Amino acid sequence: MAEEEIEIDVRGEFVRVPREVVTGLAAAAAARAHISLRHRDLSLLLGRALESGRVTLSRAESRALRAILEEKRSGYGAAGEELLRAASEA
């Protein structure tokens, strides 16, 4: 059985990400919620995405995602690299 994926719209670019990666990103964003409201909002949106299967990120949320991905550079695998590329172009 194929692993379930979540569709993340990073300012018009759709990236399909394994559920486990989205779970990790949501946890990382929640852990950084004290840094900014963007991280808190990102954690909430990613949590909802785990329920609905998709999410659209704003420019601010894309920047928060980029900060998380850059902190743990290759910790999210190929999906993380694709997300980082999309978030960097935003």
PDB file of N, CA and C in Angstrom:
ATOM      1  N   MET A   1       0.845  -1.186   0.000  1.00  0.00           N
ATOM      2  CA  MET A   1       0.000   0.000   0.000  1.00  0.00           C
ATOM      3  C   MET A   1       0.884   1.240   0.000  1.00  0.00           C
ATOM      4  N   ALA A   2       0.582   2.195  -0.858  1.00  0.00           N
ATOM      5  CA  ALA A   2       1.363   3.424  -0.953  1.00  0.00           C
ATOM      6  C   ALA A   2       1.140   4.285   0.287  1.00  0.00           C
ATOM      7  N   GLU A   3       2.198   4.970   0.684  1.00  0.00           N
ATOM      8  CA  GLU A   3       2.115   5.859   1.827  1.00  0.00           C
ATOM      9  C   GLU A   3       1.244   7.056   1.463  1.00  0.00           C
ATOM     10  N   GLU A   4       0.372   7.442   2.385  1.00  0.00           N
ATOM     11  CA  GLU A   4      -0.506   8.577   2.144  1.00  0.00           C
ATOM     12  C   GLU A   4       0.322   9.858   2.059  1.00  0.00           C
ATOM     13  N   GLU A   5      -0.063  10.715   1.136  1.00  0.00           N
ATOM     14  CA  GLU A   5       0.638  11.983   0.955  1.00  0.00           C
ATOM     15  C   GLU A   5      -0.308  13.141   1.200  1.00  0.00           C
ATOM     16  N   ILE A   6       0.275  14.254   1.610  1.00  0.00           N
ATOM     17  CA  ILE A   6      -0.441  15.499   1.840  1.00  0.00           C
ATOM     18  C   ILE A   6       0.007  16.467   0.752  1.00  0.00           C
ATOM     19  N   GLU A   7      -0.932  17.186   0.173  1.00  0.00           N
ATOM     20  CA  GLU A   7      -0.614  18.155  -0.869  1.00  0.00           C
ATOM     21  C   GLU A   7      -0.437  19.526  -0.225  1.00  0.00           C
ATOM     22  N   ILE A   8       0.751  20.104  -0.401  1.00  0.00           N
ATOM     23  CA  ILE A   8       1.052  21.417   0.152  1.00  0.00           C
ATOM     24  C   ILE A   8       1.231  22.394  -1.003  1.00  0.00           C
ATOM     25  N   ASP A   9       0.420  23.438  -0.986  1.00  0.00           N
ATOM     26  CA  ASP A   9       0.496  24.502  -1.990  1.00  0.00           C
ATOM     27  C   ASP A   9       1.388  25.604  -1.419  1.00  0.00           C
ATOM     28  N   VAL A  10       2.590  25.698  -1.976  1.00  0.00           N
ATOM     29  CA  VAL A  10       3.537  26.726  -1.552  1.00  0.00           C
ATOM     30  C   VAL A  10       3.503  27.827  -2.605  1.00  0.00           C
ATOM     31  N   ARG A  11       2.585  28.768  -2.385  1.00  0.00           N
ATOM     32  CA  ARG A  11       2.411  29.921  -3.272  1.00  0.00           C
ATOM     33  C   ARG A  11       2.280  29.522  -4.734  1.00  0.00           C
ATOM     34  N   GLY A  12       1.374  28.577  -4.990  1.00  0.00           N
ATOM     35  CA  GLY A  12       1.055  28.182  -6.353  1.00  0.00           C
ATOM     36  C   GLY A  12       1.777  26.943  -6.849  1.00  0.00           C
ATOM     37  N   GLU A  13       2.764  26.489  -6.118  1.00  0.00           N
ATOM     38  CA  GLU A  13       3.465  25.260  -6.502  1.00  0.00           C
ATOM     39  C   GLU A  13       3.009  24.144  -5.557  1.00  0.00           C
ATOM     40  N   PHE A  14       2.460  23.089  -6.136  1.00  0.00           N
ATOM     41  CA  PHE A  14       1.924  21.989  -5.345  1.00  0.00           C
ATOM     42  C   PHE A  14       2.996  20.916  -5.147  1.00  0.00           C
ATOM     43  N   VAL A  15       3.226  20.578  -3.883  1.00  0.00           N
ATOM     44  CA  VAL A  15       4.219  19.571  -3.530  1.00  0.00           C
ATOM     45  C   VAL A  15       3.511  18.483  -2.731  1.00  0.00           C
ATOM     46  N   ARG A  16       3.672  17.234  -3.156  1.00  0.00           N
ATOM     47  CA  ARG A  16       3.081  16.094  -2.436  1.00  0.00           C
ATOM     48  C   ARG A  16       4.131  15.573  -1.458  1.00  0.00           C
ATOM     49  N   VAL A  17       3.714  15.521  -0.178  1.00  0.00           N
ATOM     50  CA  VAL A  17       4.649  15.213   0.900  1.00  0.00           C
ATOM     51  C   VAL A  17       4.106  14.038   1.720  1.00  0.00           C
ATOM     52  N   PRO A  18       4.951  13.061   2.051  1.00  0.00           N
ATOM     53  CA  PRO A  18       4.488  11.951   2.884  1.00  0.00           C
ATOM     54  C   PRO A  18       3.930  12.452   4.223  1.00  0.00           C
ATOM     55  N   ARG A  19       2.903  11.790   4.680  1.00  0.00           N
ATOM     56  CA  ARG A  19       2.244  12.151   5.948  1.00  0.00           C
ATOM     57  C   ARG A  19       3.246  12.254   7.092  1.00  0.00           C
ATOM     58  N   GLU A  20       4.181  11.331   7.176  1.00  0.00           N
ATOM     59  CA  GLU A  20       5.139  11.354   8.288  1.00  0.00           C
ATOM     60  C   GLU A  20       6.021  12.600   8.260  1.00  0.00           C
ATOM     61  N   VAL A  21       6.340  13.104   7.073  1.00  0.00           N
ATOM     62  CA  VAL A  21       7.131  14.331   6.964  1.00  0.00           C
ATOM     63  C   VAL A  21       6.301  15.520   7.435  1.00  0.00           C
ATOM     64  N   VAL A  22       5.039  15.579   7.038  1.00  0.00           N
ATOM     65  CA  VAL A  22       4.160  16.675   7.463  1.00  0.00           C
ATOM     66  C   VAL A  22       3.989  16.641   8.982  1.00  0.00           C
ATOM     67  N   THR A  23       3.868  15.449   9.542  1.00  0.00           N
ATOM     68  CA  THR A  23       3.765  15.316  10.996  1.00  0.00           C
ATOM     69  C   THR A  23       5.011  15.880  11.670  1.00  0.00           C
ATOM     70  N   GLY A  24       6.170  15.567  11.142  1.00  0.00           N
ATOM     71  CA  GLY A  24       7.429  16.090  11.689  1.00  0.00           C
ATOM     72  C   GLY A  24       7.543  17.591  11.550  1.00  0.00           C
ATOM     73  N   LEU A  25       7.114  18.118  10.408  1.00  0.00           N
ATOM     74  CA  LEU A  25       7.161  19.567  10.196  1.00  0.00           C
ATOM     75  C   LEU A  25       6.190  20.294  11.127  1.00  0.00           C
ATOM     76  N   ALA A  26       5.011  19.718  11.331  1.00  0.00           N
ATOM     77  CA  ALA A  26       4.034  20.315  12.243  1.00  0.00           C
ATOM     78  C   ALA A  26       4.594  20.356  13.656  1.00  0.00           C
ATOM     79  N   ALA A  27       5.255  19.288  14.074  1.00  0.00           N
ATOM     80  CA  ALA A  27       5.854  19.244  15.409  1.00  0.00           C
ATOM     81  C   ALA A  27       6.985  20.261  15.542  1.00  0.00           C
ATOM     82  N   ALA A  28       7.803  20.377  14.512  1.00  0.00           N
ATOM     83  CA  ALA A  28       8.899  21.351  14.535  1.00  0.00           C
ATOM     84  C   ALA A  28       8.361  22.775  14.588  1.00  0.00           C
ATOM     85  N   ALA A  29       7.297  23.045  13.831  1.00  0.00           N
ATOM     86  CA  ALA A  29       6.689  24.382  13.847  1.00  0.00           C
ATOM     87  C   ALA A  29       6.087  24.672  15.217  1.00  0.00           C
ATOM     88  N   ALA A  30       5.440  23.683  15.821  1.00  0.00           N
ATOM     89  CA  ALA A  30       4.855  23.866  17.152  1.00  0.00           C
ATOM     90  C   ALA A  30       5.948  24.146  18.177  1.00  0.00           C
ATOM     91  N   ALA A  31       7.083  23.483  18.045  1.00  0.00           N
ATOM     92  CA  ALA A  31       8.192  23.693  18.971  1.00  0.00           C
ATOM     93  C   ALA A  31       8.777  25.096  18.827  1.00  0.00           C
ATOM     94  N   ARG A  32       8.593  25.709  17.666  1.00  0.00           N
ATOM     95  CA  ARG A  32       9.102  27.062  17.417  1.00  0.00           C
ATOM     96  C   ARG A  32       8.014  28.121  17.543  1.00  0.00           C
ATOM     97  N   ALA A  33       6.839  27.739  18.016  1.00  0.00           N
ATOM     98  CA  ALA A  33       5.713  28.673  18.095  1.00  0.00           C
ATOM     99  C   ALA A  33       6.025  29.880  18.980  1.00  0.00           C
ATOM    100  N   HIS A  34       6.936  29.710  19.928  1.00  0.00           N
ATOM    101  CA  HIS A  34       7.309  30.837  20.788  1.00  0.00           C
ATOM    102  C   HIS A  34       8.141  31.880  20.041  1.00  0.00           C
ATOM    103  N   ILE A  35       8.683  31.507  18.910  1.00  0.00           N
ATOM    104  CA  ILE A  35       9.511  32.428  18.125  1.00  0.00           C
ATOM    105  C   ILE A  35       8.645  33.456  17.399  1.00  0.00           C
ATOM    106  N   SER A  36       7.551  32.979  16.788  1.00  0.00           N
ATOM    107  CA  SER A  36       6.697  33.896  16.039  1.00  0.00           C
ATOM    108  C   SER A  36       5.312  33.298  15.820  1.00  0.00           C
ATOM    109  N   LEU A  37       4.384  34.182  15.527  1.00  0.00           N
ATOM    110  CA  LEU A  37       3.031  33.735  15.199  1.00  0.00           C
ATOM    111  C   LEU A  37       3.019  32.938  13.903  1.00  0.00           C
ATOM    112  N   ARG A  38       3.943  33.235  12.996  1.00  0.00           N
ATOM    113  CA  ARG A  38       4.012  32.486  11.730  1.00  0.00           C
ATOM    114  C   ARG A  38       4.254  31.008  11.981  1.00  0.00           C
ATOM    115  N   HIS A  39       5.145  30.705  12.922  1.00  0.00           N
ATOM    116  CA  HIS A  39       5.414  29.302  13.235  1.00  0.00           C
ATOM    117  C   HIS A  39       4.195  28.655  13.886  1.00  0.00           C
ATOM    118  N   ARG A  40       3.533  29.403  14.764  1.00  0.00           N
ATOM    119  CA  ARG A  40       2.322  28.855  15.387  1.00  0.00           C
ATOM    120  C   ARG A  40       1.265  28.580  14.327  1.00  0.00           C
ATOM    121  N   ASP A  41       1.049  29.552  13.444  1.00  0.00           N
ATOM    122  CA  ASP A  41       0.061  29.385  12.375  1.00  0.00           C
ATOM    123  C   ASP A  41       0.420  28.210  11.467  1.00  0.00           C
ATOM    124  N   LEU A  42       1.705  28.082  11.157  1.00  0.00           N
ATOM    125  CA  LEU A  42       2.151  26.971  10.314  1.00  0.00           C
ATOM    126  C   LEU A  42       1.859  25.631  10.989  1.00  0.00           C
ATOM    127  N   SER A  43       2.124  25.546  12.284  1.00  0.00           N
ATOM    128  CA  SER A  43       1.859  24.279  12.981  1.00  0.00           C
ATOM    129  C   SER A  43       0.376  23.940  12.947  1.00  0.00           C
ATOM    130  N   LEU A  44      -0.485  24.944  13.115  1.00  0.00           N
ATOM    131  CA  LEU A  44      -1.929  24.715  13.070  1.00  0.00           C
ATOM    132  C   LEU A  44      -2.376  24.285  11.673  1.00  0.00           C
ATOM    133  N   LEU A  45      -1.858  24.961  10.656  1.00  0.00           N
ATOM    134  CA  LEU A  45      -2.228  24.617   9.276  1.00  0.00           C
ATOM    135  C   LEU A  45      -1.774  23.204   8.901  1.00  0.00           C
ATOM    136  N   LEU A  46      -0.562  22.855   9.288  1.00  0.00           N
ATOM    137  CA  LEU A  46      -0.069  21.509   8.966  1.00  0.00           C
ATOM    138  C   LEU A  46      -0.860  20.450   9.722  1.00  0.00           C
ATOM    139  N   GLY A  47      -1.278  20.764  10.936  1.00  0.00           N
ATOM    140  CA  GLY A  47      -2.133  19.846  11.685  1.00  0.00           C
ATOM    141  C   GLY A  47      -3.462  19.622  10.982  1.00  0.00           C
ATOM    142  N   ARG A  48      -4.046  20.698  10.466  1.00  0.00           N
ATOM    143  CA  ARG A  48      -5.301  20.570   9.707  1.00  0.00           C
ATOM    144  C   ARG A  48      -5.080  19.805   8.409  1.00  0.00           C
ATOM    145  N   ALA A  49      -3.916  20.002   7.798  1.00  0.00           N
ATOM    146  CA  ALA A  49      -3.607  19.306   6.549  1.00  0.00           C
ATOM    147  C   ALA A  49      -3.568  17.799   6.763  1.00  0.00           C
ATOM    148  N   LEU A  50      -3.148  17.381   7.943  1.00  0.00           N
ATOM    149  CA  LEU A  50      -3.120  15.949   8.248  1.00  0.00           C
ATOM    150  C   LEU A  50      -4.524  15.369   8.260  1.00  0.00           C
ATOM    151  N   GLU A  51      -5.516  16.203   8.544  1.00  0.00           N
ATOM    152  CA  GLU A  51      -6.909  15.754   8.531  1.00  0.00           C
ATOM    153  C   GLU A  51      -7.520  15.840   7.140  1.00  0.00           C
ATOM    154  N   SER A  52      -7.238  16.943   6.435  1.00  0.00           N
ATOM    155  CA  SER A  52      -7.900  17.191   5.152  1.00  0.00           C
ATOM    156  C   SER A  52      -7.138  16.649   3.942  1.00  0.00           C
ATOM    157  N   GLY A  53      -5.818  16.500   4.079  1.00  0.00           N
ATOM    158  CA  GLY A  53      -5.015  16.007   2.964  1.00  0.00           C
ATOM    159  C   GLY A  53      -4.407  17.085   2.096  1.00  0.00           C
ATOM    160  N   ARG A  54      -4.675  18.352   2.441  1.00  0.00           N
ATOM    161  CA  ARG A  54      -4.081  19.443   1.650  1.00  0.00           C
ATOM    162  C   ARG A  54      -4.044  20.721   2.457  1.00  0.00           C
ATOM    163  N   VAL A  55      -3.154  21.635   2.051  1.00  0.00           N
ATOM    164  CA  VAL A  55      -3.031  22.933   2.715  1.00  0.00           C
ATOM    165  C   VAL A  55      -2.418  23.926   1.733  1.00  0.00           C
ATOM    166  N   THR A  56      -2.812  25.188   1.891  1.00  0.00           N
ATOM    167  CA  THR A  56      -2.236  26.284   1.117  1.00  0.00           C
ATOM    168  C   THR A  56      -1.517  27.209   2.082  1.00  0.00           C
ATOM    169  N   LEU A  57      -0.239  27.486   1.799  1.00  0.00           N
ATOM    170  CA  LEU A  57       0.549  28.345   2.668  1.00  0.00           C
ATOM    171  C   LEU A  57       0.657  29.749   2.101  1.00  0.00           C
ATOM    172  N   SER A  58       0.601  30.727   2.989  1.00  0.00           N
ATOM    173  CA  SER A  58       0.821  32.118   2.605  1.00  0.00           C
ATOM    174  C   SER A  58       2.331  32.362   2.490  1.00  0.00           C
ATOM    175  N   ARG A  59       2.703  33.547   2.089  1.00  0.00           N
ATOM    176  CA  ARG A  59       4.124  33.901   2.001  1.00  0.00           C
ATOM    177  C   ARG A  59       4.791  33.803   3.375  1.00  0.00           C
ATOM    178  N   ALA A  60       4.127  34.324   4.418  1.00  0.00           N
ATOM    179  CA  ALA A  60       4.697  34.285   5.775  1.00  0.00           C
ATOM    180  C   ALA A  60       4.864  32.852   6.258  1.00  0.00           C
ATOM    181  N   GLU A  61       3.892  32.022   6.016  1.00  0.00           N
ATOM    182  CA  GLU A  61       3.968  30.612   6.427  1.00  0.00           C
ATOM    183  C   GLU A  61       5.042  29.874   5.633  1.00  0.00           C
ATOM    184  N   SER A  62       5.211  30.244   4.374  1.00  0.00           N
ATOM    185  CA  SER A  62       6.265  29.648   3.552  1.00  0.00           C
ATOM    186  C   SER A  62       7.641  30.006   4.107  1.00  0.00           C
ATOM    187  N   ARG A  63       7.795  31.241   4.594  1.00  0.00           N
ATOM    188  CA  ARG A  63       9.073  31.645   5.199  1.00  0.00           C
ATOM    189  C   ARG A  63       9.341  30.856   6.481  1.00  0.00           C
ATOM    190  N   ALA A  64       8.304  30.648   7.281  1.00  0.00           N
ATOM    191  CA  ALA A  64       8.467  29.858   8.503  1.00  0.00           C
ATOM    192  C   ALA A  64       8.848  28.416   8.145  1.00  0.00           C
ATOM    193  N   LEU A  65       8.214  27.873   7.137  1.00  0.00           N
ATOM    194  CA  LEU A  65       8.541  26.521   6.680  1.00  0.00           C
ATOM    195  C   LEU A  65       9.984  26.460   6.214  1.00  0.00           C
ATOM    196  N   ARG A  66      10.411  27.448   5.453  1.00  0.00           N
ATOM    197  CA  ARG A  66      11.790  27.486   4.967  1.00  0.00           C
ATOM    198  C   ARG A  66      12.777  27.504   6.135  1.00  0.00           C
ATOM    199  N   ALA A  67      12.480  28.283   7.185  1.00  0.00           N
ATOM    200  CA  ALA A  67      13.366  28.348   8.356  1.00  0.00           C
ATOM    201  C   ALA A  67      13.491  26.985   9.022  1.00  0.00           C
ATOM    202  N   ILE A  68      12.393  26.280   9.133  1.00  0.00           N
ATOM    203  CA  ILE A  68      12.415  24.938   9.736  1.00  0.00           C
ATOM    204  C   ILE A  68      13.222  23.974   8.874  1.00  0.00           C
ATOM    205  N   LEU A  69      12.978  24.003   7.577  1.00  0.00           N
ATOM    206  CA  LEU A  69      13.677  23.089   6.672  1.00  0.00           C
ATOM    207  C   LEU A  69      15.175  23.379   6.623  1.00  0.00           C
ATOM    208  N   GLU A  70      15.552  24.659   6.678  1.00  0.00           N
ATOM    209  CA  GLU A  70      16.969  25.011   6.651  1.00  0.00           C
ATOM    210  C   GLU A  70      17.674  24.606   7.935  1.00  0.00           C
ATOM    211  N   GLU A  71      16.947  24.634   9.047  1.00  0.00           N
ATOM    212  CA  GLU A  71      17.538  24.258  10.327  1.00  0.00           C
ATOM    213  C   GLU A  71      17.939  22.788  10.351  1.00  0.00           C
ATOM    214  N   LYS A  72      17.113  21.955   9.763  1.00  0.00           N
ATOM    215  CA  LYS A  72      17.374  20.508   9.727  1.00  0.00           C
ATOM    216  C   LYS A  72      17.520  20.123   8.260  1.00  0.00           C
ATOM    217  N   ARG A  73      18.564  20.599   7.665  1.00  0.00           N
ATOM    218  CA  ARG A  73      18.769  20.645   6.222  1.00  0.00           C
ATOM    219  C   ARG A  73      18.306  19.414   5.457  1.00  0.00           C
ATOM    220  N   SER A  74      18.782  18.241   5.764  1.00  0.00           N
ATOM    221  CA  SER A  74      18.376  17.072   4.984  1.00  0.00           C
ATOM    222  C   SER A  74      17.559  16.084   5.826  1.00  0.00           C
ATOM    223  N   GLY A  75      17.030  16.549   6.924  1.00  0.00           N
ATOM    224  CA  GLY A  75      16.294  15.673   7.826  1.00  0.00           C
ATOM    225  C   GLY A  75      14.929  15.247   7.337  1.00  0.00           C
ATOM    226  N   TYR A  76      14.436  15.857   6.272  1.00  0.00           N
ATOM    227  CA  TYR A  76      13.107  15.525   5.770  1.00  0.00           C
ATOM    228  C   TYR A  76      13.153  14.859   4.402  1.00  0.00           C
ATOM    229  N   GLY A  77      14.326  14.437   3.981  1.00  0.00           N
ATOM    230  CA  GLY A  77      14.474  13.688   2.743  1.00  0.00           C
ATOM    231  C   GLY A  77      14.181  14.486   1.485  1.00  0.00           C
ATOM    232  N   ALA A  78      13.864  13.764   0.432  1.00  0.00           N
ATOM    233  CA  ALA A  78      13.625  14.387  -0.873  1.00  0.00           C
ATOM    234  C   ALA A  78      12.422  15.320  -0.830  1.00  0.00           C
ATOM    235  N   ALA A  79      11.386  14.956  -0.089  1.00  0.00           N
ATOM    236  CA  ALA A  79      10.205  15.822   0.010  1.00  0.00           C
ATOM    237  C   ALA A  79      10.571  17.133   0.680  1.00  0.00           C
ATOM    238  N   GLY A  80      11.420  17.070   1.692  1.00  0.00           N
ATOM    239  CA  GLY A  80      11.868  18.282   2.365  1.00  0.00           C
ATOM    240  C   GLY A  80      12.671  19.177   1.437  1.00  0.00           C
ATOM    241  N   GLU A  81      13.514  18.558   0.620  1.00  0.00           N
ATOM    242  CA  GLU A  81      14.305  19.332  -0.340  1.00  0.00           C
ATOM    243  C   GLU A  81      13.401  20.023  -1.368  1.00  0.00           C
ATOM    244  N   GLU A  82      12.381  19.309  -1.819  1.00  0.00           N
ATOM    245  CA  GLU A  82      11.446  19.890  -2.788  1.00  0.00           C
ATOM    246  C   GLU A  82      10.662  21.036  -2.152  1.00  0.00           C
ATOM    247  N   LEU A  83      10.232  20.841  -0.910  1.00  0.00           N
ATOM    248  CA  LEU A  83       9.537  21.912  -0.189  1.00  0.00           C
ATOM    249  C   LEU A  83      10.442  23.121   0.009  1.00  0.00           C
ATOM    250  N   LEU A  84      11.686  22.874   0.372  1.00  0.00           N
ATOM    251  CA  LEU A  84      12.644  23.966   0.575  1.00  0.00           C
ATOM    252  C   LEU A  84      12.835  24.751  -0.700  1.00  0.00           C
ATOM    253  N   ARG A  85      12.964  24.054  -1.812  1.00  0.00           N
ATOM    254  CA  ARG A  85      13.112  24.751  -3.101  1.00  0.00           C
ATOM    255  C   ARG A  85      11.890  25.613  -3.384  1.00  0.00           C
ATOM    256  N   ALA A  86      10.706  25.052  -3.182  1.00  0.00           N
ATOM    257  CA  ALA A  86       9.463  25.803  -3.451  1.00  0.00           C
ATOM    258  C   ALA A  86       9.346  26.989  -2.498  1.00  0.00           C
ATOM    259  N   ALA A  87       9.659  26.792  -1.226  1.00  0.00           N
ATOM    260  CA  ALA A  87       9.556  27.867  -0.241  1.00  0.00           C
ATOM    261  C   ALA A  87      10.603  28.944  -0.482  1.00  0.00           C
ATOM    262  N   SER A  88      11.742  28.575  -1.021  1.00  0.00           N
ATOM    263  CA  SER A  88      12.796  29.551  -1.298  1.00  0.00           C
ATOM    264  C   SER A  88      12.435  30.442  -2.475  1.00  0.00           C
ATOM    265  N   GLU A  89      11.632  29.925  -3.366  1.00  0.00           N
ATOM    266  CA  GLU A  89      11.207  30.710  -4.541  1.00  0.00           C
ATOM    267  C   GLU A  89      10.046  31.623  -4.215  1.00  0.00           C
ATOM    268  N   ALA A  90       9.413  31.395  -3.063  1.00  0.00           N
ATOM    269  CA  ALA A  90       8.215  32.182  -2.688  1.00  0.00           C
ATOM    270  C   ALA A  90       8.602  33.580  -2.271  1.00  0.00           C
TER     271      ALA A  90
END
